[in-house]
């Protein structure tokens, strides 16, 4: 049994990169939700920030679902 170290390195790099991107998008979504809450508490409209928050959370969910689709072979036979 041999290990393809190049492929393992590519998998590790892609995993780390996608993790950083998903966490970053999620953090932006949480920040946007916080901004929306602050604007609503101040008596202003927070619709755009709330939409941005929902969009970021939706993108994160889609990325996670795509990852699950890639991992589980039953979904793409």
N, C-alpha and C. Protein backbone atom coordinates (compact mmCIF):
# COMPACT_ATOMS: atom_id res chain seq x y z
N UNK A 1 0.85 -1.18 0.00
CA UNK A 1 0.00 0.00 0.00
C UNK A 1 0.89 1.24 0.00
N UNK A 2 0.61 2.13 -0.90
CA UNK A 2 1.39 3.37 -0.97
C UNK A 2 0.44 4.56 -0.79
N UNK A 3 1.01 5.62 -0.33
CA UNK A 3 0.24 6.85 -0.11
C UNK A 3 0.65 7.86 -1.16
N UNK A 4 -0.32 8.42 -1.84
CA UNK A 4 -0.07 9.48 -2.80
C UNK A 4 -0.02 10.80 -2.03
N UNK A 5 1.18 11.20 -1.64
CA UNK A 5 1.37 12.37 -0.78
C UNK A 5 0.93 13.65 -1.48
N UNK A 6 1.07 13.71 -2.79
CA UNK A 6 0.61 14.90 -3.51
C UNK A 6 -0.89 15.08 -3.42
N UNK A 7 -1.62 13.98 -3.63
CA UNK A 7 -3.08 14.05 -3.53
C UNK A 7 -3.52 14.36 -2.11
N UNK A 8 -2.83 13.77 -1.14
CA UNK A 8 -3.16 14.06 0.26
C UNK A 8 -2.92 15.53 0.58
N UNK A 9 -1.85 16.09 0.05
CA UNK A 9 -1.57 17.51 0.27
C UNK A 9 -2.62 18.41 -0.36
N UNK A 10 -3.08 18.04 -1.58
CA UNK A 10 -4.12 18.82 -2.24
C UNK A 10 -5.41 18.77 -1.43
N UNK A 11 -5.77 17.60 -0.95
CA UNK A 11 -6.98 17.46 -0.14
C UNK A 11 -6.88 18.31 1.13
N UNK A 12 -5.72 18.28 1.78
CA UNK A 12 -5.53 19.06 3.00
C UNK A 12 -5.63 20.55 2.72
N UNK A 13 -5.01 21.02 1.65
CA UNK A 13 -5.04 22.45 1.32
C UNK A 13 -6.45 22.89 0.96
N UNK A 14 -7.15 22.10 0.15
CA UNK A 14 -8.53 22.47 -0.22
C UNK A 14 -9.44 22.46 1.01
N UNK A 15 -9.26 21.50 1.89
CA UNK A 15 -10.07 21.43 3.11
C UNK A 15 -9.86 22.66 3.97
N UNK A 16 -8.62 23.05 4.16
CA UNK A 16 -8.33 24.23 4.98
C UNK A 16 -8.89 25.49 4.32
N UNK A 17 -8.71 25.62 3.00
CA UNK A 17 -9.18 26.81 2.29
C UNK A 17 -10.70 26.93 2.35
N UNK A 18 -11.39 25.83 2.10
CA UNK A 18 -12.86 25.88 2.12
C UNK A 18 -13.36 26.15 3.54
N UNK A 19 -12.70 25.59 4.53
CA UNK A 19 -13.09 25.86 5.91
C UNK A 19 -12.96 27.34 6.24
N UNK A 20 -11.85 27.94 5.84
CA UNK A 20 -11.66 29.38 6.09
C UNK A 20 -12.72 30.20 5.37
N UNK A 21 -13.05 29.83 4.14
CA UNK A 21 -14.07 30.57 3.38
C UNK A 21 -15.44 30.44 4.03
N UNK A 22 -15.83 29.22 4.41
CA UNK A 22 -17.15 29.03 5.02
C UNK A 22 -17.24 29.76 6.36
N UNK A 23 -16.21 29.66 7.17
CA UNK A 23 -16.23 30.37 8.45
C UNK A 23 -16.26 31.88 8.23
N UNK A 24 -15.55 32.37 7.24
CA UNK A 24 -15.57 33.80 6.93
C UNK A 24 -16.94 34.27 6.49
N UNK A 25 -17.57 33.52 5.59
CA UNK A 25 -18.91 33.89 5.13
C UNK A 25 -19.91 33.84 6.29
N UNK A 26 -19.79 32.83 7.13
CA UNK A 26 -20.69 32.73 8.29
C UNK A 26 -20.47 33.92 9.24
N UNK A 27 -19.21 34.29 9.45
CA UNK A 27 -18.92 35.43 10.33
C UNK A 27 -19.49 36.73 9.76
N UNK A 28 -19.40 36.90 8.46
CA UNK A 28 -20.00 38.08 7.82
C UNK A 28 -21.51 38.07 8.03
N UNK A 29 -22.13 36.90 7.91
CA UNK A 29 -23.58 36.79 8.13
C UNK A 29 -23.97 37.13 9.56
N UNK A 30 -23.19 36.66 10.52
CA UNK A 30 -23.47 36.98 11.92
C UNK A 30 -23.29 38.47 12.17
N UNK A 31 -22.26 39.05 11.58
CA UNK A 31 -22.04 40.49 11.71
C UNK A 31 -23.18 41.30 11.10
N UNK A 32 -23.66 40.86 9.94
CA UNK A 32 -24.78 41.55 9.30
C UNK A 32 -26.05 41.44 10.15
N UNK A 33 -26.26 40.29 10.76
CA UNK A 33 -27.43 40.15 11.65
C UNK A 33 -27.31 41.07 12.85
N UNK A 34 -26.10 41.21 13.37
CA UNK A 34 -25.87 42.11 14.49
C UNK A 34 -26.13 43.56 14.08
N UNK A 35 -25.68 43.94 12.90
CA UNK A 35 -25.93 45.30 12.39
C UNK A 35 -27.42 45.53 12.23
N UNK A 36 -28.13 44.54 11.69
CA UNK A 36 -29.58 44.68 11.52
C UNK A 36 -30.28 44.84 12.86
N UNK A 37 -29.87 44.06 13.85
CA UNK A 37 -30.47 44.19 15.18
C UNK A 37 -30.20 45.57 15.78
N UNK A 38 -28.99 46.07 15.58
CA UNK A 38 -28.65 47.39 16.09
C UNK A 38 -29.45 48.49 15.43
N UNK A 39 -29.64 48.36 14.11
CA UNK A 39 -30.44 49.36 13.41
C UNK A 39 -31.90 49.32 13.84
N UNK A 40 -32.44 48.13 14.02
CA UNK A 40 -33.83 48.01 14.46
C UNK A 40 -33.98 48.59 15.87
N UNK A 41 -33.01 48.33 16.74
CA UNK A 41 -33.07 48.86 18.11
C UNK A 41 -32.98 50.39 18.11
N UNK A 42 -32.29 50.95 17.10
CA UNK A 42 -32.17 52.40 17.01
C UNK A 42 -33.35 53.04 16.28
N UNK A 43 -34.31 52.23 15.87
CA UNK A 43 -35.48 52.76 15.20
C UNK A 43 -35.31 52.94 13.71
N UNK A 44 -34.26 52.36 13.14
CA UNK A 44 -34.03 52.45 11.70
C UNK A 44 -34.42 51.13 11.04
N UNK A 45 -34.39 51.15 9.72
CA UNK A 45 -34.71 49.94 8.98
C UNK A 45 -33.45 49.09 8.84
N UNK A 46 -33.59 47.80 9.04
CA UNK A 46 -32.45 46.90 8.93
C UNK A 46 -32.65 45.82 7.88
N UNK A 47 -33.47 46.11 6.88
CA UNK A 47 -33.82 45.10 5.88
C UNK A 47 -32.65 44.63 5.04
N UNK A 48 -31.80 45.55 4.60
CA UNK A 48 -30.68 45.17 3.74
C UNK A 48 -29.67 44.32 4.51
N UNK A 49 -29.40 44.69 5.74
CA UNK A 49 -28.47 43.92 6.55
C UNK A 49 -29.06 42.55 6.87
N UNK A 50 -30.35 42.49 7.12
CA UNK A 50 -31.00 41.20 7.39
C UNK A 50 -30.95 40.31 6.15
N UNK A 51 -31.16 40.91 4.97
CA UNK A 51 -31.07 40.16 3.72
C UNK A 51 -29.65 39.64 3.50
N UNK A 52 -28.65 40.48 3.76
CA UNK A 52 -27.26 40.06 3.60
C UNK A 52 -26.94 38.92 4.55
N UNK A 53 -27.46 38.98 5.76
CA UNK A 53 -27.25 37.91 6.73
C UNK A 53 -27.86 36.61 6.25
N UNK A 54 -29.09 36.67 5.77
CA UNK A 54 -29.75 35.47 5.27
C UNK A 54 -29.04 34.91 4.05
N UNK A 55 -28.54 35.79 3.19
CA UNK A 55 -27.81 35.35 2.01
C UNK A 55 -26.52 34.63 2.39
N UNK A 56 -25.79 35.17 3.33
CA UNK A 56 -24.55 34.53 3.79
C UNK A 56 -24.83 33.16 4.41
N UNK A 57 -25.86 33.09 5.24
CA UNK A 57 -26.20 31.80 5.85
C UNK A 57 -26.65 30.79 4.80
N UNK A 58 -27.38 31.26 3.80
CA UNK A 58 -27.81 30.37 2.72
C UNK A 58 -26.64 29.85 1.90
N UNK A 59 -25.67 30.72 1.62
CA UNK A 59 -24.48 30.29 0.89
C UNK A 59 -23.72 29.24 1.68
N UNK A 60 -23.59 29.45 2.98
CA UNK A 60 -22.92 28.46 3.84
C UNK A 60 -23.65 27.13 3.79
N UNK A 61 -24.96 27.17 3.86
CA UNK A 61 -25.74 25.93 3.81
C UNK A 61 -25.55 25.21 2.48
N UNK A 62 -25.53 25.96 1.39
CA UNK A 62 -25.32 25.34 0.08
C UNK A 62 -23.94 24.71 -0.04
N UNK A 63 -22.92 25.37 0.49
CA UNK A 63 -21.57 24.81 0.45
C UNK A 63 -21.51 23.51 1.25
N UNK A 64 -22.13 23.50 2.42
CA UNK A 64 -22.14 22.28 3.25
C UNK A 64 -22.91 21.16 2.55
N UNK A 65 -24.05 21.47 1.95
CA UNK A 65 -24.81 20.45 1.24
C UNK A 65 -24.05 19.92 0.04
N UNK A 66 -23.33 20.77 -0.67
CA UNK A 66 -22.51 20.32 -1.79
C UNK A 66 -21.40 19.38 -1.30
N UNK A 67 -20.79 19.71 -0.18
CA UNK A 67 -19.77 18.84 0.40
C UNK A 67 -20.34 17.48 0.76
N UNK A 68 -21.54 17.46 1.34
CA UNK A 68 -22.18 16.19 1.66
C UNK A 68 -22.49 15.40 0.40
N UNK A 69 -22.92 16.10 -0.65
CA UNK A 69 -23.20 15.44 -1.92
C UNK A 69 -21.94 14.80 -2.47
N UNK A 70 -20.82 15.47 -2.33
CA UNK A 70 -19.55 14.91 -2.81
C UNK A 70 -19.12 13.69 -2.00
N UNK A 71 -19.37 13.71 -0.70
CA UNK A 71 -18.89 12.65 0.19
C UNK A 71 -19.76 11.40 0.08
N UNK A 72 -21.07 11.56 -0.04
CA UNK A 72 -21.99 10.42 0.00
C UNK A 72 -22.26 9.93 -1.42
N UNK A 73 -21.74 8.76 -1.80
CA UNK A 73 -21.87 8.29 -3.17
C UNK A 73 -23.31 7.95 -3.57
N UNK A 74 -24.18 7.68 -2.62
CA UNK A 74 -25.57 7.36 -2.93
C UNK A 74 -26.24 8.48 -3.72
N UNK A 75 -25.86 9.72 -3.48
CA UNK A 75 -26.49 10.87 -4.11
C UNK A 75 -26.10 11.08 -5.57
N UNK A 76 -24.98 10.54 -6.00
CA UNK A 76 -24.53 10.79 -7.38
C UNK A 76 -24.14 9.52 -8.11
N UNK A 77 -24.92 8.47 -7.95
CA UNK A 77 -24.66 7.21 -8.67
C UNK A 77 -25.27 7.25 -10.03
